Amino acid sequence: MESQLELNQERQRLLDKFAEKLPTVRASVVSQGNMAFADGVLPGRVKRLMALAMALRAGCTNCILGRTTQALDEGATVEEVLETISVAVAMGGTLAMAESLRVIRLLEEMGRL
């Protein structure tokens, strides 16, 4: 069984390597993300939850792990994450449901479920 925490740590390690080798590309992506996820009419945590729903539908492991942890870091509650999963499943069917199990495992490993 894969640890989602370990996958997330590896994701971060590789992002650091990416930033080392392609600093201007990484800086550009970070800058765009900072603008997109900044508090505005919608708070940043809601925007992160929206991105999580999209990641679940797309089936992107790195995106799912990143958006889940970022949403929690922005103050999203476990209940908000679970409701986000329900919307993703309603829109994305069994693919989103299958990918949501990754979030459930991550929350378990974090001691939050």
N, C-alpha and C. Protein backbone atom coordinates (compact mmCIF):
# COMPACT_ATOMS: atom_id res chain seq x y z
N MET A 1 0.83 -1.18 0.00
CA MET A 1 0.00 0.00 0.00
C MET A 1 0.88 1.25 0.00
N GLU A 2 0.59 2.15 -0.89
CA GLU A 2 1.36 3.39 -0.96
C GLU A 2 0.92 4.36 0.12
N SER A 3 1.89 4.94 0.79
CA SER A 3 1.60 6.00 1.74
C SER A 3 1.39 7.30 0.97
N GLN A 4 0.26 7.94 1.21
CA GLN A 4 -0.02 9.21 0.55
C GLN A 4 0.87 10.31 1.11
N LEU A 5 1.21 10.22 2.39
CA LEU A 5 2.14 11.19 2.96
C LEU A 5 3.51 11.08 2.30
N GLU A 6 3.97 9.85 2.07
CA GLU A 6 5.26 9.66 1.40
C GLU A 6 5.20 10.14 -0.04
N LEU A 7 4.10 9.86 -0.73
CA LEU A 7 3.95 10.37 -2.10
C LEU A 7 3.97 11.89 -2.11
N ASN A 8 3.32 12.50 -1.13
CA ASN A 8 3.29 13.95 -1.06
C ASN A 8 4.68 14.52 -0.76
N GLN A 9 5.44 13.86 0.11
CA GLN A 9 6.80 14.30 0.38
C GLN A 9 7.68 14.17 -0.86
N GLU A 10 7.51 13.09 -1.60
CA GLU A 10 8.26 12.92 -2.85
C GLU A 10 7.86 13.97 -3.87
N ARG A 11 6.58 14.30 -3.92
CA ARG A 11 6.09 15.36 -4.82
C ARG A 11 6.80 16.66 -4.49
N GLN A 12 6.89 16.98 -3.21
CA GLN A 12 7.54 18.23 -2.81
C GLN A 12 9.03 18.20 -3.12
N ARG A 13 9.69 17.06 -2.88
CA ARG A 13 11.11 16.94 -3.21
C ARG A 13 11.35 17.20 -4.69
N LEU A 14 10.51 16.61 -5.52
CA LEU A 14 10.66 16.78 -6.96
C LEU A 14 10.35 18.21 -7.40
N LEU A 15 9.37 18.84 -6.76
CA LEU A 15 9.11 20.25 -7.06
C LEU A 15 10.32 21.11 -6.71
N ASP A 16 10.98 20.80 -5.61
CA ASP A 16 12.19 21.53 -5.24
C ASP A 16 13.28 21.33 -6.29
N LYS A 17 13.43 20.11 -6.78
CA LYS A 17 14.40 19.82 -7.83
C LYS A 17 14.03 20.57 -9.12
N PHE A 18 12.74 20.56 -9.45
CA PHE A 18 12.25 21.29 -10.61
C PHE A 18 12.62 22.77 -10.48
N ALA A 19 12.37 23.34 -9.29
CA ALA A 19 12.69 24.76 -9.07
C ALA A 19 14.18 25.03 -9.20
N GLU A 20 15.00 24.07 -8.78
CA GLU A 20 16.46 24.21 -8.89
C GLU A 20 16.90 24.20 -10.35
N LYS A 21 16.33 23.32 -11.14
CA LYS A 21 16.76 23.15 -12.53
C LYS A 21 16.06 24.11 -13.49
N LEU A 22 14.82 24.49 -13.17
CA LEU A 22 14.04 25.38 -14.02
C LEU A 22 13.45 26.52 -13.19
N PRO A 23 14.31 27.36 -12.61
CA PRO A 23 13.83 28.36 -11.65
C PRO A 23 12.85 29.37 -12.23
N THR A 24 13.05 29.82 -13.45
CA THR A 24 12.13 30.83 -14.00
C THR A 24 10.76 30.23 -14.31
N VAL A 25 10.74 28.98 -14.76
CA VAL A 25 9.47 28.31 -15.02
C VAL A 25 8.71 28.13 -13.71
N ARG A 26 9.40 27.62 -12.70
CA ARG A 26 8.75 27.40 -11.40
C ARG A 26 8.26 28.71 -10.82
N ALA A 27 9.07 29.75 -10.89
CA ALA A 27 8.67 31.06 -10.35
C ALA A 27 7.43 31.58 -11.06
N SER A 28 7.37 31.36 -12.36
CA SER A 28 6.21 31.80 -13.14
C SER A 28 4.94 31.08 -12.70
N VAL A 29 5.04 29.77 -12.50
CA VAL A 29 3.89 28.97 -12.08
C VAL A 29 3.45 29.38 -10.67
N VAL A 30 4.42 29.58 -9.79
CA VAL A 30 4.10 29.99 -8.42
C VAL A 30 3.44 31.36 -8.40
N SER A 31 3.95 32.28 -9.20
CA SER A 31 3.37 33.62 -9.27
C SER A 31 1.93 33.58 -9.76
N GLN A 32 1.69 32.81 -10.80
CA GLN A 32 0.32 32.69 -11.33
C GLN A 32 -0.59 32.07 -10.28
N GLY A 33 -0.12 31.04 -9.61
CA GLY A 33 -0.91 30.38 -8.57
C GLY A 33 -1.20 31.31 -7.41
N ASN A 34 -0.20 32.10 -7.01
CA ASN A 34 -0.42 33.06 -5.92
C ASN A 34 -1.52 34.04 -6.26
N MET A 35 -1.55 34.48 -7.50
CA MET A 35 -2.61 35.41 -7.92
C MET A 35 -3.96 34.71 -7.97
N ALA A 36 -3.99 33.52 -8.55
CA ALA A 36 -5.26 32.81 -8.71
C ALA A 36 -5.88 32.40 -7.38
N PHE A 37 -5.05 32.01 -6.42
CA PHE A 37 -5.55 31.49 -5.15
C PHE A 37 -5.58 32.52 -4.02
N ALA A 38 -5.27 33.76 -4.35
CA ALA A 38 -5.33 34.81 -3.33
C ALA A 38 -6.78 35.05 -2.91
N ASP A 39 -6.94 35.47 -1.67
CA ASP A 39 -8.28 35.84 -1.21
C ASP A 39 -8.82 36.96 -2.09
N GLY A 40 -10.05 36.83 -2.46
CA GLY A 40 -10.76 37.84 -3.23
C GLY A 40 -12.22 37.75 -2.83
N VAL A 41 -13.10 37.79 -3.79
CA VAL A 41 -14.51 37.56 -3.49
C VAL A 41 -14.66 36.17 -2.87
N LEU A 42 -13.91 35.21 -3.41
CA LEU A 42 -13.85 33.88 -2.82
C LEU A 42 -12.58 33.77 -2.00
N PRO A 43 -12.68 33.21 -0.79
CA PRO A 43 -11.45 33.01 -0.01
C PRO A 43 -10.55 31.97 -0.66
N GLY A 44 -9.26 32.09 -0.39
CA GLY A 44 -8.28 31.17 -0.96
C GLY A 44 -8.59 29.71 -0.69
N ARG A 45 -9.10 29.40 0.50
CA ARG A 45 -9.40 28.01 0.83
C ARG A 45 -10.49 27.46 -0.07
N VAL A 46 -11.46 28.28 -0.44
CA VAL A 46 -12.53 27.84 -1.34
C VAL A 46 -11.96 27.60 -2.73
N LYS A 47 -11.07 28.45 -3.16
CA LYS A 47 -10.43 28.26 -4.46
C LYS A 47 -9.60 26.98 -4.47
N ARG A 48 -8.93 26.69 -3.37
CA ARG A 48 -8.16 25.44 -3.28
C ARG A 48 -9.09 24.23 -3.33
N LEU A 49 -10.24 24.33 -2.69
CA LEU A 49 -11.22 23.24 -2.74
C LEU A 49 -11.76 23.07 -4.16
N MET A 50 -11.97 24.17 -4.86
CA MET A 50 -12.40 24.08 -6.26
C MET A 50 -11.34 23.36 -7.09
N ALA A 51 -10.09 23.69 -6.85
CA ALA A 51 -8.99 23.05 -7.58
C ALA A 51 -8.91 21.57 -7.22
N LEU A 52 -9.18 21.23 -5.97
CA LEU A 52 -9.19 19.82 -5.58
C LEU A 52 -10.27 19.07 -6.35
N ALA A 53 -11.45 19.65 -6.46
CA ALA A 53 -12.52 18.98 -7.22
C ALA A 53 -12.10 18.75 -8.66
N MET A 54 -11.45 19.72 -9.27
CA MET A 54 -10.98 19.57 -10.64
C MET A 54 -9.89 18.49 -10.73
N ALA A 55 -8.99 18.46 -9.75
CA ALA A 55 -7.92 17.46 -9.74
C ALA A 55 -8.49 16.05 -9.60
N LEU A 56 -9.52 15.90 -8.76
CA LEU A 56 -10.16 14.59 -8.60
C LEU A 56 -10.77 14.13 -9.91
N ARG A 57 -11.39 15.03 -10.63
CA ARG A 57 -12.00 14.70 -11.92
C ARG A 57 -10.94 14.37 -12.96
N ALA A 58 -9.82 15.07 -12.89
CA ALA A 58 -8.73 14.84 -13.86
C ALA A 58 -7.92 13.59 -13.53
N GLY A 59 -7.98 13.15 -12.28
CA GLY A 59 -7.21 11.97 -11.88
C GLY A 59 -5.72 12.24 -11.73
N CYS A 60 -5.37 13.46 -11.35
CA CYS A 60 -3.96 13.86 -11.21
C CYS A 60 -3.50 13.66 -9.77
N THR A 61 -2.71 12.62 -9.53
CA THR A 61 -2.26 12.30 -8.17
C THR A 61 -1.55 13.47 -7.51
N ASN A 62 -0.57 14.04 -8.19
CA ASN A 62 0.17 15.16 -7.61
C ASN A 62 -0.74 16.33 -7.31
N CYS A 63 -1.67 16.62 -8.21
CA CYS A 63 -2.61 17.71 -7.99
C CYS A 63 -3.51 17.43 -6.79
N ILE A 64 -3.99 16.21 -6.69
CA ILE A 64 -4.88 15.83 -5.59
C ILE A 64 -4.16 16.01 -4.25
N LEU A 65 -2.95 15.50 -4.15
CA LEU A 65 -2.20 15.62 -2.90
C LEU A 65 -1.88 17.08 -2.58
N GLY A 66 -1.42 17.80 -3.58
CA GLY A 66 -1.08 19.20 -3.37
C GLY A 66 -2.27 20.05 -3.00
N ARG A 67 -3.36 19.89 -3.72
CA ARG A 67 -4.54 20.72 -3.46
C ARG A 67 -5.19 20.38 -2.13
N THR A 68 -5.16 19.11 -1.76
CA THR A 68 -5.72 18.74 -0.46
C THR A 68 -4.92 19.38 0.67
N THR A 69 -3.59 19.23 0.63
CA THR A 69 -2.78 19.79 1.71
C THR A 69 -2.82 21.31 1.70
N GLN A 70 -2.86 21.92 0.52
CA GLN A 70 -2.93 23.38 0.46
C GLN A 70 -4.27 23.89 0.98
N ALA A 71 -5.35 23.20 0.67
CA ALA A 71 -6.67 23.61 1.18
C ALA A 71 -6.67 23.54 2.71
N LEU A 72 -6.13 22.46 3.26
CA LEU A 72 -6.06 22.34 4.71
C LEU A 72 -5.17 23.43 5.31
N ASP A 73 -4.05 23.70 4.66
CA ASP A 73 -3.15 24.76 5.13
C ASP A 73 -3.83 26.13 5.09
N GLU A 74 -4.75 26.32 4.14
CA GLU A 74 -5.48 27.59 4.01
C GLU A 74 -6.65 27.68 4.99
N GLY A 75 -6.84 26.61 5.78
CA GLY A 75 -7.90 26.65 6.79
C GLY A 75 -9.15 25.85 6.47
N ALA A 76 -9.13 25.12 5.35
CA ALA A 76 -10.29 24.27 5.04
C ALA A 76 -10.42 23.18 6.10
N THR A 77 -11.64 22.86 6.44
CA THR A 77 -11.88 21.79 7.41
C THR A 77 -11.98 20.46 6.69
N VAL A 78 -11.85 19.39 7.44
CA VAL A 78 -12.03 18.05 6.87
C VAL A 78 -13.43 17.94 6.28
N GLU A 79 -14.42 18.51 6.94
CA GLU A 79 -15.79 18.46 6.44
C GLU A 79 -15.91 19.16 5.09
N GLU A 80 -15.20 20.28 4.92
CA GLU A 80 -15.22 20.98 3.63
C GLU A 80 -14.55 20.14 2.55
N VAL A 81 -13.47 19.47 2.90
CA VAL A 81 -12.80 18.59 1.95
C VAL A 81 -13.75 17.46 1.54
N LEU A 82 -14.43 16.88 2.51
CA LEU A 82 -15.36 15.79 2.20
C LEU A 82 -16.53 16.26 1.33
N GLU A 83 -17.03 17.46 1.58
CA GLU A 83 -18.10 17.99 0.72
C GLU A 83 -17.57 18.25 -0.69
N THR A 84 -16.34 18.69 -0.78
CA THR A 84 -15.71 18.89 -2.10
C THR A 84 -15.65 17.56 -2.84
N ILE A 85 -15.28 16.50 -2.13
CA ILE A 85 -15.26 15.17 -2.73
C ILE A 85 -16.65 14.81 -3.26
N SER A 86 -17.70 15.11 -2.48
CA SER A 86 -19.04 14.74 -2.92
C SER A 86 -19.43 15.46 -4.21
N VAL A 87 -19.03 16.71 -4.34
CA VAL A 87 -19.32 17.45 -5.59
C VAL A 87 -18.51 16.86 -6.74
N ALA A 88 -17.24 16.56 -6.50
CA ALA A 88 -16.40 15.97 -7.55
C ALA A 88 -16.98 14.65 -8.02
N VAL A 89 -17.46 13.83 -7.09
CA VAL A 89 -18.05 12.54 -7.46
C VAL A 89 -19.35 12.74 -8.23
N ALA A 90 -20.15 13.72 -7.81
CA ALA A 90 -21.40 13.99 -8.53
C ALA A 90 -21.13 14.40 -9.98
N MET A 91 -20.05 15.14 -10.19
CA MET A 91 -19.72 15.61 -11.54
C MET A 91 -18.84 14.63 -12.30
N GLY A 92 -18.01 13.86 -11.59
CA GLY A 92 -17.01 13.04 -12.25
C GLY A 92 -17.21 11.54 -12.15
N GLY A 93 -18.24 11.11 -11.44
CA GLY A 93 -18.56 9.69 -11.38
C GLY A 93 -17.50 8.85 -10.69
N THR A 94 -17.38 7.62 -11.19
CA THR A 94 -16.52 6.65 -10.51
C THR A 94 -15.03 7.01 -10.57
N LEU A 95 -14.60 7.73 -11.61
CA LEU A 95 -13.20 8.17 -11.66
C LEU A 95 -12.91 9.07 -10.47
N ALA A 96 -13.76 10.05 -10.24
CA ALA A 96 -13.56 10.96 -9.12
C ALA A 96 -13.69 10.21 -7.79
N MET A 97 -14.60 9.26 -7.73
CA MET A 97 -14.75 8.48 -6.50
C MET A 97 -13.49 7.68 -6.22
N ALA A 98 -12.96 7.03 -7.24
CA ALA A 98 -11.73 6.25 -7.06
C ALA A 98 -10.58 7.14 -6.61
N GLU A 99 -10.44 8.30 -7.22
CA GLU A 99 -9.36 9.21 -6.85
C GLU A 99 -9.57 9.81 -5.47
N SER A 100 -10.84 9.95 -5.05
CA SER A 100 -11.11 10.52 -3.72
C SER A 100 -10.61 9.61 -2.61
N LEU A 101 -10.44 8.33 -2.89
CA LEU A 101 -9.92 7.42 -1.87
C LEU A 101 -8.50 7.81 -1.46
N ARG A 102 -7.78 8.44 -2.39
CA ARG A 102 -6.44 8.95 -2.09
C ARG A 102 -6.53 10.04 -1.01
N VAL A 103 -7.55 10.88 -1.11
CA VAL A 103 -7.74 11.95 -0.13
C VAL A 103 -8.12 11.35 1.23
N ILE A 104 -8.99 10.36 1.21
CA ILE A 104 -9.39 9.69 2.44
C ILE A 104 -8.16 9.09 3.13
N ARG A 105 -7.33 8.40 2.37
CA ARG A 105 -6.12 7.81 2.95
C ARG A 105 -5.18 8.89 3.48
N LEU A 106 -5.00 9.97 2.72
CA LEU A 106 -4.14 11.06 3.17
C LEU A 106 -4.65 11.63 4.49
N LEU A 107 -5.95 11.88 4.58
CA LEU A 107 -6.53 12.40 5.82
C LEU A 107 -6.33 11.42 6.98
N GLU A 108 -6.48 10.14 6.69
CA GLU A 108 -6.22 9.12 7.73
C GLU A 108 -4.77 9.18 8.20
N GLU A 109 -3.85 9.24 7.24
CA GLU A 109 -2.43 9.26 7.58
C GLU A 109 -2.05 10.52 8.34
N MET A 110 -2.78 11.59 8.11
CA MET A 110 -2.54 12.85 8.82
C MET A 110 -3.19 12.85 10.20
N GLY A 111 -3.96 11.79 10.50
CA GLY A 111 -4.65 11.72 11.77
C GLY A 111 -5.86 12.62 11.86
N ARG A 112 -6.41 12.98 10.70
CA ARG A 112 -7.54 13.92 10.68
C ARG A 112 -8.86 13.22 10.38
N LEU A 113 -8.81 11.92 10.14
CA LEU A 113 -10.04 11.15 9.90
C LEU A 113 -10.02 9.90 10.76
